[in-house]
Amino acid sequence: MICAISGEVPDEPVVSKRSGLLFERRLIERYIEDHGKCPVTKEELSMDDIVLVKTNKVVRPRPLQAASIPGLLGIFQNEWDALMLSNFALEQQLHTARQELSHALYQHDAACS
């Protein structure tokens, strides 16, 4: 079951009564609001023509890039980069907090003298 718009497995699958195509609910709702027609067949489509598909919650398949070693390396590199950016931001916040605390202590000592 693949969404005709995104090409991914939908979280909330819906089917068009007219074309029988499967879509992600939020994507087709937005498309219908903007254009009023099916993105694939270009025929008129309304929210009344959309039917919710009831499915069991299952584990989503891994993205295609996770099926190969270069793809996995890319995923790990992206995660590492995100972790390092987060670590850098935290270090900057810590440095700023230390400077503010040092300045406040200096002012307190000066006021007490």
PDB file of N, CA and C in Angstrom:
ATOM      1  N   MET A   1       0.843  -1.175   0.000  1.00  0.00           N
ATOM      2  CA  MET A   1       0.000   0.000   0.000  1.00  0.00           C
ATOM      3  C   MET A   1       0.887   1.236   0.000  1.00  0.00           C
ATOM      4  N   ILE A   2       0.912   1.925  -1.118  1.00  0.00           N
ATOM      5  CA  ILE A   2       1.755   3.097  -1.311  1.00  0.00           C
ATOM      6  C   ILE A   2       0.866   4.281  -1.706  1.00  0.00           C
ATOM      7  N   CYS A   3       1.132   5.441  -1.087  1.00  0.00           N
ATOM      8  CA  CYS A   3       0.393   6.661  -1.408  1.00  0.00           C
ATOM      9  C   CYS A   3       0.719   7.094  -2.833  1.00  0.00           C
ATOM     10  N   ALA A   4      -0.316   7.464  -3.589  1.00  0.00           N
ATOM     11  CA  ALA A   4      -0.118   7.880  -4.979  1.00  0.00           C
ATOM     12  C   ALA A   4       0.544   9.256  -5.072  1.00  0.00           C
ATOM     13  N   ILE A   5       0.556  10.026  -3.985  1.00  0.00           N
ATOM     14  CA  ILE A   5       1.168  11.348  -4.002  1.00  0.00           C
ATOM     15  C   ILE A   5       2.623  11.277  -3.534  1.00  0.00           C
ATOM     16  N   SER A   6       2.839  10.715  -2.337  1.00  0.00           N
ATOM     17  CA  SER A   6       4.176  10.724  -1.738  1.00  0.00           C
ATOM     18  C   SER A   6       5.031   9.526  -2.117  1.00  0.00           C
ATOM     19  N   GLY A   7       4.404   8.426  -2.495  1.00  0.00           N
ATOM     20  CA  GLY A   7       5.152   7.218  -2.809  1.00  0.00           C
ATOM     21  C   GLY A   7       5.611   6.464  -1.574  1.00  0.00           C
ATOM     22  N   GLU A   8       5.067   6.818  -0.405  1.00  0.00           N
ATOM     23  CA  GLU A   8       5.427   6.163   0.847  1.00  0.00           C
ATOM     24  C   GLU A   8       4.210   5.460   1.438  1.00  0.00           C
ATOM     25  N   VAL A   9       4.455   4.622   2.434  1.00  0.00           N
ATOM     26  CA  VAL A   9       3.364   3.933   3.122  1.00  0.00           C
ATOM     27  C   VAL A   9       2.612   4.966   3.970  1.00  0.00           C
ATOM     28  N   PRO A  10       1.309   5.127   3.767  1.00  0.00           N
ATOM     29  CA  PRO A  10       0.571   6.159   4.485  1.00  0.00           C
ATOM     30  C   PRO A  10       0.299   5.779   5.944  1.00  0.00           C
ATOM     31  N   ASP A  11       0.308   6.800   6.823  1.00  0.00           N
ATOM     32  CA  ASP A  11      -0.066   6.597   8.224  1.00  0.00           C
ATOM     33  C   ASP A  11      -1.576   6.450   8.345  1.00  0.00           C
ATOM     34  N   GLU A  12      -2.318   7.298   7.619  1.00  0.00           N
ATOM     35  CA  GLU A  12      -3.778   7.235   7.592  1.00  0.00           C
ATOM     36  C   GLU A  12      -4.209   7.040   6.143  1.00  0.00           C
ATOM     37  N   PRO A  13      -4.288   5.795   5.689  1.00  0.00           N
ATOM     38  CA  PRO A  13      -4.638   5.566   4.287  1.00  0.00           C
ATOM     39  C   PRO A  13      -6.111   5.837   3.996  1.00  0.00           C
ATOM     40  N   VAL A  14      -6.347   6.458   2.857  1.00  0.00           N
ATOM     41  CA  VAL A  14      -7.705   6.678   2.352  1.00  0.00           C
ATOM     42  C   VAL A  14      -7.718   6.275   0.878  1.00  0.00           C
ATOM     43  N   VAL A  15      -8.908   5.927   0.387  1.00  0.00           N
ATOM     44  CA  VAL A  15      -9.065   5.512  -1.003  1.00  0.00           C
ATOM     45  C   VAL A  15     -10.097   6.406  -1.667  1.00  0.00           C
ATOM     46  N   SER A  16      -9.823   6.736  -2.921  1.00  0.00           N
ATOM     47  CA  SER A  16     -10.777   7.499  -3.713  1.00  0.00           C
ATOM     48  C   SER A  16     -11.841   6.551  -4.261  1.00  0.00           C
ATOM     49  N   LYS A  17     -13.122   6.882  -4.065  1.00  0.00           N
ATOM     50  CA  LYS A  17     -14.212   6.059  -4.604  1.00  0.00           C
ATOM     51  C   LYS A  17     -14.196   6.072  -6.125  1.00  0.00           C
ATOM     52  N   ARG A  18     -13.776   7.171  -6.707  1.00  0.00           N
ATOM     53  CA  ARG A  18     -13.825   7.313  -8.162  1.00  0.00           C
ATOM     54  C   ARG A  18     -12.709   6.565  -8.868  1.00  0.00           C
ATOM     55  N   SER A  19     -11.474   6.720  -8.368  1.00  0.00           N
ATOM     56  CA  SER A  19     -10.346   6.116  -9.087  1.00  0.00           C
ATOM     57  C   SER A  19      -9.811   4.857  -8.422  1.00  0.00           C
ATOM     58  N   GLY A  20     -10.124   4.661  -7.143  1.00  0.00           N
ATOM     59  CA  GLY A  20      -9.601   3.506  -6.423  1.00  0.00           C
ATOM     60  C   GLY A  20      -8.160   3.687  -5.970  1.00  0.00           C
ATOM     61  N   LEU A  21      -7.608   4.888  -6.139  1.00  0.00           N
ATOM     62  CA  LEU A  21      -6.229   5.152  -5.746  1.00  0.00           C
ATOM     63  C   LEU A  21      -6.116   5.365  -4.245  1.00  0.00           C
ATOM     64  N   LEU A  22      -4.976   4.994  -3.693  1.00  0.00           N
ATOM     65  CA  LEU A  22      -4.711   5.115  -2.265  1.00  0.00           C
ATOM     66  C   LEU A  22      -3.891   6.376  -2.013  1.00  0.00           C
ATOM     67  N   PHE A  23      -4.241   7.106  -0.936  1.00  0.00           N
ATOM     68  CA  PHE A  23      -3.545   8.334  -0.593  1.00  0.00           C
ATOM     69  C   PHE A  23      -3.328   8.417   0.916  1.00  0.00           C
ATOM     70  N   GLU A  24      -2.377   9.262   1.311  1.00  0.00           N
ATOM     71  CA  GLU A  24      -2.231   9.674   2.708  1.00  0.00           C
ATOM     72  C   GLU A  24      -3.319  10.712   2.957  1.00  0.00           C
ATOM     73  N   ARG A  25      -4.070  10.567   4.030  1.00  0.00           N
ATOM     74  CA  ARG A  25      -5.238  11.408   4.273  1.00  0.00           C
ATOM     75  C   ARG A  25      -4.916  12.901   4.254  1.00  0.00           C
ATOM     76  N   ARG A  26      -3.891  13.310   5.010  1.00  0.00           N
ATOM     77  CA  ARG A  26      -3.598  14.745   5.101  1.00  0.00           C
ATOM     78  C   ARG A  26      -3.149  15.326   3.762  1.00  0.00           C
ATOM     79  N   LEU A  27      -2.445  14.527   2.955  1.00  0.00           N
ATOM     80  CA  LEU A  27      -1.979  15.024   1.663  1.00  0.00           C
ATOM     81  C   LEU A  27      -3.124  15.217   0.680  1.00  0.00           C
ATOM     82  N   ILE A  28      -4.023  14.231   0.601  1.00  0.00           N
ATOM     83  CA  ILE A  28      -5.131  14.350  -0.349  1.00  0.00           C
ATOM     84  C   ILE A  28      -6.125  15.417   0.100  1.00  0.00           C
ATOM     85  N   GLU A  29      -6.312  15.562   1.423  1.00  0.00           N
ATOM     86  CA  GLU A  29      -7.205  16.624   1.902  1.00  0.00           C
ATOM     87  C   GLU A  29      -6.684  17.993   1.480  1.00  0.00           C
ATOM     88  N   ARG A  30      -5.395  18.211   1.655  1.00  0.00           N
ATOM     89  CA  ARG A  30      -4.802  19.493   1.268  1.00  0.00           C
ATOM     90  C   ARG A  30      -4.904  19.701  -0.244  1.00  0.00           C
ATOM     91  N   TYR A  31      -4.657  18.638  -1.006  1.00  0.00           N
ATOM     92  CA  TYR A  31      -4.715  18.758  -2.466  1.00  0.00           C
ATOM     93  C   TYR A  31      -6.135  19.067  -2.930  1.00  0.00           C
ATOM     94  N   ILE A  32      -7.104  18.417  -2.324  1.00  0.00           N
ATOM     95  CA  ILE A  32      -8.506  18.663  -2.707  1.00  0.00           C
ATOM     96  C   ILE A  32      -8.901  20.086  -2.343  1.00  0.00           C
ATOM     97  N   GLU A  33      -8.474  20.573  -1.188  1.00  0.00           N
ATOM     98  CA  GLU A  33      -8.782  21.954  -0.803  1.00  0.00           C
ATOM     99  C   GLU A  33      -8.198  22.952  -1.795  1.00  0.00           C
ATOM    100  N   ASP A  34      -6.969  22.683  -2.242  1.00  0.00           N
ATOM    101  CA  ASP A  34      -6.299  23.610  -3.152  1.00  0.00           C
ATOM    102  C   ASP A  34      -6.793  23.501  -4.587  1.00  0.00           C
ATOM    103  N   HIS A  35      -7.042  22.271  -5.077  1.00  0.00           N
ATOM    104  CA  HIS A  35      -7.318  22.070  -6.495  1.00  0.00           C
ATOM    105  C   HIS A  35      -8.702  21.509  -6.801  1.00  0.00           C
ATOM    106  N   GLY A  36      -9.307  20.765  -5.877  1.00  0.00           N
ATOM    107  CA  GLY A  36     -10.633  20.211  -6.103  1.00  0.00           C
ATOM    108  C   GLY A  36     -10.679  19.052  -7.087  1.00  0.00           C
ATOM    109  N   LYS A  37      -9.529  18.416  -7.328  1.00  0.00           N
ATOM    110  CA  LYS A  37      -9.515  17.281  -8.251  1.00  0.00           C
ATOM    111  C   LYS A  37      -8.460  16.274  -7.819  1.00  0.00           C
ATOM    112  N   CYS A  38      -8.483  15.109  -8.440  1.00  0.00           N
ATOM    113  CA  CYS A  38      -7.529  14.045  -8.143  1.00  0.00           C
ATOM    114  C   CYS A  38      -6.164  14.419  -8.723  1.00  0.00           C
ATOM    115  N   PRO A  39      -5.092  14.270  -7.948  1.00  0.00           N
ATOM    116  CA  PRO A  39      -3.774  14.640  -8.459  1.00  0.00           C
ATOM    117  C   PRO A  39      -3.257  13.717  -9.565  1.00  0.00           C
ATOM    118  N   VAL A  40      -3.808  12.515  -9.656  1.00  0.00           N
ATOM    119  CA  VAL A  40      -3.329  11.560 -10.658  1.00  0.00           C
ATOM    120  C   VAL A  40      -4.203  11.592 -11.903  1.00  0.00           C
ATOM    121  N   THR A  41      -5.523  11.434 -11.719  1.00  0.00           N
ATOM    122  CA  THR A  41      -6.429  11.345 -12.870  1.00  0.00           C
ATOM    123  C   THR A  41      -6.949  12.704 -13.327  1.00  0.00           C
ATOM    124  N   LYS A  42      -6.799  13.717 -12.499  1.00  0.00           N
ATOM    125  CA  LYS A  42      -7.247  15.094 -12.773  1.00  0.00           C
ATOM    126  C   LYS A  42      -8.762  15.233 -12.895  1.00  0.00           C
ATOM    127  N   GLU A  43      -9.525  14.220 -12.461  1.00  0.00           N
ATOM    128  CA  GLU A  43     -10.980  14.359 -12.485  1.00  0.00           C
ATOM    129  C   GLU A  43     -11.443  15.002 -11.182  1.00  0.00           C
ATOM    130  N   GLU A  44     -12.625  15.594 -11.212  1.00  0.00           N
ATOM    131  CA  GLU A  44     -13.171  16.271 -10.038  1.00  0.00           C
ATOM    132  C   GLU A  44     -13.220  15.309  -8.853  1.00  0.00           C
ATOM    133  N   LEU A  45     -12.862  15.833  -7.666  1.00  0.00           N
ATOM    134  CA  LEU A  45     -12.816  14.999  -6.473  1.00  0.00           C
ATOM    135  C   LEU A  45     -13.169  15.859  -5.267  1.00  0.00           C
ATOM    136  N   SER A  46     -13.982  15.328  -4.381  1.00  0.00           N
ATOM    137  CA  SER A  46     -14.328  16.038  -3.149  1.00  0.00           C
ATOM    138  C   SER A  46     -14.049  15.121  -1.965  1.00  0.00           C
ATOM    139  N   MET A  47     -14.133  15.663  -0.775  1.00  0.00           N
ATOM    140  CA  MET A  47     -13.885  14.867   0.420  1.00  0.00           C
ATOM    141  C   MET A  47     -14.941  13.783   0.603  1.00  0.00           C
ATOM    142  N   ASP A  48     -16.102  13.950   0.007  1.00  0.00           N
ATOM    143  CA  ASP A  48     -17.138  12.916   0.078  1.00  0.00           C
ATOM    144  C   ASP A  48     -16.741  11.676  -0.730  1.00  0.00           C
ATOM    145  N   ASP A  49     -15.822  11.843  -1.674  1.00  0.00           N
ATOM    146  CA  ASP A  49     -15.367  10.732  -2.515  1.00  0.00           C
ATOM    147  C   ASP A  49     -14.218   9.955  -1.888  1.00  0.00           C
ATOM    148  N   ILE A  50     -13.817  10.349  -0.694  1.00  0.00           N
ATOM    149  CA  ILE A  50     -12.676   9.725  -0.020  1.00  0.00           C
ATOM    150  C   ILE A  50     -13.185   8.825   1.107  1.00  0.00           C
ATOM    151  N   VAL A  51     -12.650   7.598   1.171  1.00  0.00           N
ATOM    152  CA  VAL A  51     -13.055   6.628   2.187  1.00  0.00           C
ATOM    153  C   VAL A  51     -11.823   6.232   3.007  1.00  0.00           C
ATOM    154  N   LEU A  52     -11.963   6.286   4.324  1.00  0.00           N
ATOM    155  CA  LEU A  52     -10.882   5.900   5.220  1.00  0.00           C
ATOM    156  C   LEU A  52     -10.700   4.383   5.180  1.00  0.00           C
ATOM    157  N   VAL A  53      -9.458   3.937   5.075  1.00  0.00           N
ATOM    158  CA  VAL A  53      -9.137   2.511   5.075  1.00  0.00           C
ATOM    159  C   VAL A  53      -8.689   2.143   6.476  1.00  0.00           C
ATOM    160  N   LYS A  54      -9.390   1.201   7.088  1.00  0.00           N
ATOM    161  CA  LYS A  54      -9.018   0.771   8.433  1.00  0.00           C
ATOM    162  C   LYS A  54      -7.982  -0.330   8.322  1.00  0.00           C
ATOM    163  N   THR A  55      -6.828  -0.082   8.954  1.00  0.00           N
ATOM    164  CA  THR A  55      -5.741  -1.058   8.924  1.00  0.00           C
ATOM    165  C   THR A  55      -5.211  -1.252  10.327  1.00  0.00           C
ATOM    166  N   ASN A  56      -4.583  -2.362  10.541  1.00  0.00           N
ATOM    167  CA  ASN A  56      -3.893  -2.589  11.811  1.00  0.00           C
ATOM    168  C   ASN A  56      -2.606  -1.781  11.798  1.00  0.00           C
ATOM    169  N   LYS A  57      -2.245  -1.283  12.970  1.00  0.00           N
ATOM    170  CA  LYS A  57      -0.979  -0.570  13.079  1.00  0.00           C
ATOM    171  C   LYS A  57       0.138  -1.598  13.016  1.00  0.00           C
ATOM    172  N   VAL A  58       0.960  -1.489  12.008  1.00  0.00           N
ATOM    173  CA  VAL A  58       2.074  -2.414  11.838  1.00  0.00           C
ATOM    174  C   VAL A  58       3.363  -1.612  11.774  1.00  0.00           C
ATOM    175  N   VAL A  59       4.450  -2.309  11.905  1.00  0.00           N
ATOM    176  CA  VAL A  59       5.745  -1.659  11.796  1.00  0.00           C
ATOM    177  C   VAL A  59       5.929  -1.193  10.364  1.00  0.00           C
ATOM    178  N   ARG A  60       6.289   0.066  10.220  1.00  0.00           N
ATOM    179  CA  ARG A  60       6.500   0.605   8.886  1.00  0.00           C
ATOM    180  C   ARG A  60       7.771   0.010   8.289  1.00  0.00           C
ATOM    181  N   PRO A  61       7.767  -0.267   7.006  1.00  0.00           N
ATOM    182  CA  PRO A  61       8.983  -0.795   6.388  1.00  0.00           C
ATOM    183  C   PRO A  61      10.100   0.241   6.428  1.00  0.00           C
ATOM    184  N   ARG A  62      11.326  -0.262   6.493  1.00  0.00           N
ATOM    185  CA  ARG A  62      12.470   0.639   6.507  1.00  0.00           C
ATOM    186  C   ARG A  62      12.546   1.390   5.186  1.00  0.00           C
ATOM    187  N   PRO A  63      13.031   2.623   5.230  1.00  0.00           N
ATOM    188  CA  PRO A  63      13.198   3.345   3.968  1.00  0.00           C
ATOM    189  C   PRO A  63      14.148   2.591   3.050  1.00  0.00           C
ATOM    190  N   LEU A  64      14.004   2.802   1.770  1.00  0.00           N
ATOM    191  CA  LEU A  64      14.802   2.088   0.794  1.00  0.00           C
ATOM    192  C   LEU A  64      16.289   2.298   1.019  1.00  0.00           C
ATOM    193  N   GLN A  65      16.678   3.501   1.463  1.00  0.00           N
ATOM    194  CA  GLN A  65      18.097   3.762   1.663  1.00  0.00           C
ATOM    195  C   GLN A  65      18.670   2.935   2.809  1.00  0.00           C
ATOM    196  N   ALA A  66      17.833   2.449   3.725  1.00  0.00           N
ATOM    197  CA  ALA A  66      18.314   1.643   4.842  1.00  0.00           C
ATOM    198  C   ALA A  66      18.555   0.192   4.424  1.00  0.00           C
ATOM    199  N   ALA A  67      18.329  -0.123   3.162  1.00  0.00           N
ATOM    200  CA  ALA A  67      18.492  -1.488   2.691  1.00  0.00           C
ATOM    201  C   ALA A  67      19.892  -1.748   2.136  1.00  0.00           C
ATOM    202  N   SER A  68      20.733  -0.711   2.091  1.00  0.00           N
ATOM    203  CA  SER A  68      22.082  -0.899   1.563  1.00  0.00           C
ATOM    204  C   SER A  68      23.100  -0.314   2.535  1.00  0.00           C
ATOM    205  N   ILE A  69      24.330  -0.772   2.436  1.00  0.00           N
ATOM    206  CA  ILE A  69      25.383  -0.284   3.332  1.00  0.00           C
ATOM    207  C   ILE A  69      25.659   1.205   3.092  1.00  0.00           C
ATOM    208  N   PRO A  70      25.785   1.669   1.850  1.00  0.00           N
ATOM    209  CA  PRO A  70      25.978   3.117   1.669  1.00  0.00           C
ATOM    210  C   PRO A  70      24.800   3.935   2.205  1.00  0.00           C
ATOM    211  N   GLY A  71      23.594   3.407   2.058  1.00  0.00           N
ATOM    212  CA  GLY A  71      22.425   4.095   2.601  1.00  0.00           C
ATOM    213  C   GLY A  71      22.471   4.166   4.113  1.00  0.00           C
ATOM    214  N   LEU A  72      22.837   3.050   4.748  1.00  0.00           N
ATOM    215  CA  LEU A  72      22.962   3.038   6.206  1.00  0.00           C
ATOM    216  C   LEU A  72      24.054   3.997   6.670  1.00  0.00           C
ATOM    217  N   LEU A  73      25.175   4.020   5.951  1.00  0.00           N
ATOM    218  CA  LEU A  73      26.256   4.952   6.312  1.00  0.00           C
ATOM    219  C   LEU A  73      25.786   6.399   6.213  1.00  0.00           C
ATOM    220  N   GLY A  74      24.984   6.684   5.210  1.00  0.00           N
ATOM    221  CA  GLY A  74      24.424   8.036   5.065  1.00  0.00           C
ATOM    222  C   GLY A  74      23.504   8.386   6.223  1.00  0.00           C
ATOM    223  N   ILE A  75      22.665   7.427   6.615  1.00  0.00           N
ATOM    224  CA  ILE A  75      21.763   7.648   7.755  1.00  0.00           C
ATOM    225  C   ILE A  75      22.568   7.893   9.019  1.00  0.00           C
ATOM    226  N   PHE A  76      23.592   7.058   9.259  1.00  0.00           N
ATOM    227  CA  PHE A  76      24.430   7.230  10.447  1.00  0.00           C
ATOM    228  C   PHE A  76      25.160   8.568  10.419  1.00  0.00           C
ATOM    229  N   GLN A  77      25.627   8.984   9.262  1.00  0.00           N
ATOM    230  CA  GLN A  77      26.327  10.269   9.146  1.00  0.00           C
ATOM    231  C   GLN A  77      25.383  11.421   9.476  1.00  0.00           C
ATOM    232  N   ASN A  78      24.146  11.352   8.981  1.00  0.00           N
ATOM    233  CA  ASN A  78      23.165  12.396   9.273  1.00  0.00           C
ATOM    234  C   ASN A  78      22.845  12.448  10.766  1.00  0.00           C
ATOM    235  N   GLU A  79      22.707  11.272  11.385  1.00  0.00           N
ATOM    236  CA  GLU A  79      22.444  11.228  12.822  1.00  0.00           C
ATOM    237  C   GLU A  79      23.627  11.793  13.606  1.00  0.00           C
ATOM    238  N   TRP A  80      24.838  11.438  13.193  1.00  0.00           N
ATOM    239  CA  TRP A  80      26.044  11.943  13.860  1.00  0.00           C
ATOM    240  C   TRP A  80      26.130  13.468  13.731  1.00  0.00           C
ATOM    241  N   ASP A  81      25.856  13.978  12.539  1.00  0.00           N
ATOM    242  CA  ASP A  81      25.890  15.425  12.331  1.00  0.00           C
ATOM    243  C   ASP A  81      24.867  16.131  13.218  1.00  0.00           C
ATOM    244  N   ALA A  82      23.665  15.579  13.300  1.00  0.00           N
ATOM    245  CA  ALA A  82      22.626  16.176  14.147  1.00  0.00           C
ATOM    246  C   ALA A  82      23.044  16.150  15.615  1.00  0.00           C
ATOM    247  N   LEU A  83      23.640  15.043  16.042  1.00  0.00           N
ATOM    248  CA  LEU A  83      24.108  14.925  17.424  1.00  0.00           C
ATOM    249  C   LEU A  83      25.205  15.938  17.716  1.00  0.00           C
ATOM    250  N   MET A  84      26.139  16.110  16.797  1.00  0.00           N
ATOM    251  CA  MET A  84      27.233  17.067  16.996  1.00  0.00           C
ATOM    252  C   MET A  84      26.722  18.505  17.013  1.00  0.00           C
ATOM    253  N   LEU A  85      25.757  18.828  16.168  1.00  0.00           N
ATOM    254  CA  LEU A  85      25.174  20.170  16.185  1.00  0.00           C
ATOM    255  C   LEU A  85      24.468  20.439  17.513  1.00  0.00           C
ATOM    256  N   SER A  86      23.745  19.444  18.009  1.00  0.00           N
ATOM    257  CA  SER A  86      23.072  19.576  19.293  1.00  0.00           C
ATOM    258  C   SER A  86      24.084  19.744  20.414  1.00  0.00           C
ATOM    259  N   ASN A  87      25.159  18.964  20.387  1.00  0.00           N
ATOM    260  CA  ASN A  87      26.209  19.057  21.395  1.00  0.00           C
ATOM    261  C   ASN A  87      26.869  20.437  21.359  1.00  0.00           C
ATOM    262  N   PHE A  88      27.141  20.950  20.173  1.00  0.00           N
ATOM    263  CA  PHE A  88      27.744  22.265  20.029  1.00  0.00           C
ATOM    264  C   PHE A  88      26.838  23.348  20.613  1.00  0.00           C
ATOM    265  N   ALA A  89      25.546  23.275  20.327  1.00  0.00           N
ATOM    266  CA  ALA A  89      24.597  24.262  20.857  1.00  0.00           C
ATOM    267  C   ALA A  89      24.552  24.199  22.379  1.00  0.00           C
ATOM    268  N   LEU A  90      24.580  22.991  22.934  1.00  0.00           N
ATOM    269  CA  LEU A  90      24.573  22.854  24.392  1.00  0.00           C
ATOM    270  C   LEU A  90      25.852  23.415  25.009  1.00  0.00           C
ATOM    271  N   GLU A  91      26.997  23.189  24.369  1.00  0.00           N
ATOM    272  CA  GLU A  91      28.254  23.739  24.868  1.00  0.00           C
ATOM    273  C   GLU A  91      28.234  25.264  24.840  1.00  0.00           C
ATOM    274  N   GLN A  92      27.659  25.843  23.795  1.00  0.00           N
ATOM    275  CA  GLN A  92      27.551  27.300  23.736  1.00  0.00           C
ATOM    276  C   GLN A  92      26.643  27.830  24.845  1.00  0.00           C
ATOM    277  N   GLN A  93      25.538  27.162  25.099  1.00  0.00           N
ATOM    278  CA  GLN A  93      24.633  27.579  26.178  1.00  0.00           C
ATOM    279  C   GLN A  93      25.326  27.483  27.527  1.00  0.00           C
ATOM    280  N   LEU A  94      26.095  26.422  27.745  1.00  0.00           N
ATOM    281  CA  LEU A  94      26.835  26.254  28.991  1.00  0.00           C
ATOM    282  C   LEU A  94      27.856  27.373  29.163  1.00  0.00           C
ATOM    283  N   HIS A  95      28.579  27.696  28.104  1.00  0.00           N
ATOM    284  CA  HIS A  95      29.580  28.759  28.158  1.00  0.00           C
ATOM    285  C   HIS A  95      28.914  30.102  28.503  1.00  0.00           C
ATOM    286  N   THR A  96      27.800  30.392  27.871  1.00  0.00           N
ATOM    287  CA  THR A  96      27.070  31.633  28.141  1.00  0.00           C
ATOM    288  C   THR A  96      26.587  31.671  29.583  1.00  0.00           C
ATOM    289  N   ALA A  97      26.040  30.556  30.079  1.00  0.00           N
ATOM    290  CA  ALA A  97      25.556  30.498  31.465  1.00  0.00           C
ATOM    291  C   ALA A  97      26.704  30.699  32.451  1.00  0.00           C
ATOM    292  N   ARG A  98      27.876  30.112  32.164  1.00  0.00           N
ATOM    293  CA  ARG A  98      29.042  30.295  33.040  1.00  0.00           C
ATOM    294  C   ARG A  98      29.485  31.751  33.057  1.00  0.00           C
ATOM    295  N   GLN A  99      29.500  32.400  31.891  1.00  0.00           N
ATOM    296  CA  GLN A  99      29.881  33.804  31.839  1.00  0.00           C
ATOM    297  C   GLN A  99      28.908  34.673  32.626  1.00  0.00           C
ATOM    298  N   GLU A 100      27.609  34.423  32.464  1.00  0.00           N
ATOM    299  CA  GLU A 100      26.604  35.203  33.194  1.00  0.00           C
ATOM    300  C   GLU A 100      26.733  34.990  34.695  1.00  0.00           C
ATOM    301  N   LEU A 101      26.964  33.754  35.110  1.00  0.00           N
ATOM    302  CA  LEU A 101      27.127  33.455  36.527  1.00  0.00           C
ATOM    303  C   LEU A 101      28.378  34.123  37.080  1.00  0.00           C
ATOM    304  N   SER A 102      29.458  34.059  36.343  1.00  0.00           N
ATOM    305  CA  SER A 102      30.706  34.690  36.770  1.00  0.00           C
ATOM    306  C   SER A 102      30.519  36.192  36.925  1.00  0.00           C
ATOM    307  N   HIS A 103      29.844  36.806  35.952  1.00  0.00           N
ATOM    308  CA  HIS A 103      29.589  38.247  36.003  1.00  0.00           C
ATOM    309  C   HIS A 103      28.703  38.598  37.203  1.00  0.00           C
ATOM    310  N   ALA A 104      27.675  37.801  37.441  1.00  0.00           N
ATOM    311  CA  ALA A 104      26.775  38.054  38.567  1.00  0.00           C
ATOM    312  C   ALA A 104      27.511  37.908  39.896  1.00  0.00           C
ATOM    313  N   LEU A 105      28.360  36.895  40.028  1.00  0.00           N
ATOM    314  CA  LEU A 105      29.134  36.714  41.265  1.00  0.00           C
ATOM    315  C   LEU A 105      30.101  37.873  41.472  1.00  0.00           C
ATOM    316  N   TYR A 106      30.731  38.342  40.398  1.00  0.00           N
ATOM    317  CA  TYR A 106      31.654  39.463  40.495  1.00  0.00           C
ATOM    318  C   TYR A 106      30.923  40.706  40.975  1.00  0.00           C
ATOM    319  N   GLN A 107      29.711  40.962  40.408  1.00  0.00           N
ATOM    320  CA  GLN A 107      28.932  42.125  40.830  1.00  0.00           C
ATOM    321  C   GLN A 107      28.491  41.988  42.281  1.00  0.00           C
ATOM    322  N   HIS A 108      28.121  40.794  42.713  1.00  0.00           N
ATOM    323  CA  HIS A 108      27.705  40.555  44.089  1.00  0.00           C
ATOM    324  C   HIS A 108      28.866  40.817  45.038  1.00  0.00           C
ATOM    325  N   ASP A 109      30.058  40.298  44.706  1.00  0.00           N
ATOM    326  CA  ASP A 109      31.249  40.518  45.548  1.00  0.00           C
ATOM    327  C   ASP A 109      31.579  42.004  45.623  1.00  0.00           C
ATOM    328  N   ALA A 110      31.461  42.703  44.505  1.00  0.00           N
ATOM    329  CA  ALA A 110      31.762  44.141  44.490  1.00  0.00           C
ATOM    330  C   ALA A 110      30.764  44.911  45.332  1.00  0.00           C
ATOM    331  N   ALA A 111      29.514  44.496  45.320  1.00  0.00           N
ATOM    332  CA  ALA A 111      28.471  45.189  46.088  1.00  0.00           C
ATOM    333  C   ALA A 111      28.651  44.938  47.586  1.00  0.00           C
ATOM    334  N   CYS A 112      29.151  43.772  47.957  1.00  0.00           N
ATOM    335  CA  CYS A 112      29.336  43.416  49.373  1.00  0.00           C
ATOM    336  C   CYS A 112      30.585  44.086  49.954  1.00  0.00           C
ATOM    337  N   SER A 113      31.529  44.510  49.144  1.00  0.00           N
ATOM    338  CA  SER A 113      32.782  45.088  49.649  1.00  0.00           C
ATOM    339  C   SER A 113      32.653  46.533  49.989  1.00  0.00           C
TER     340      SER A 113
END
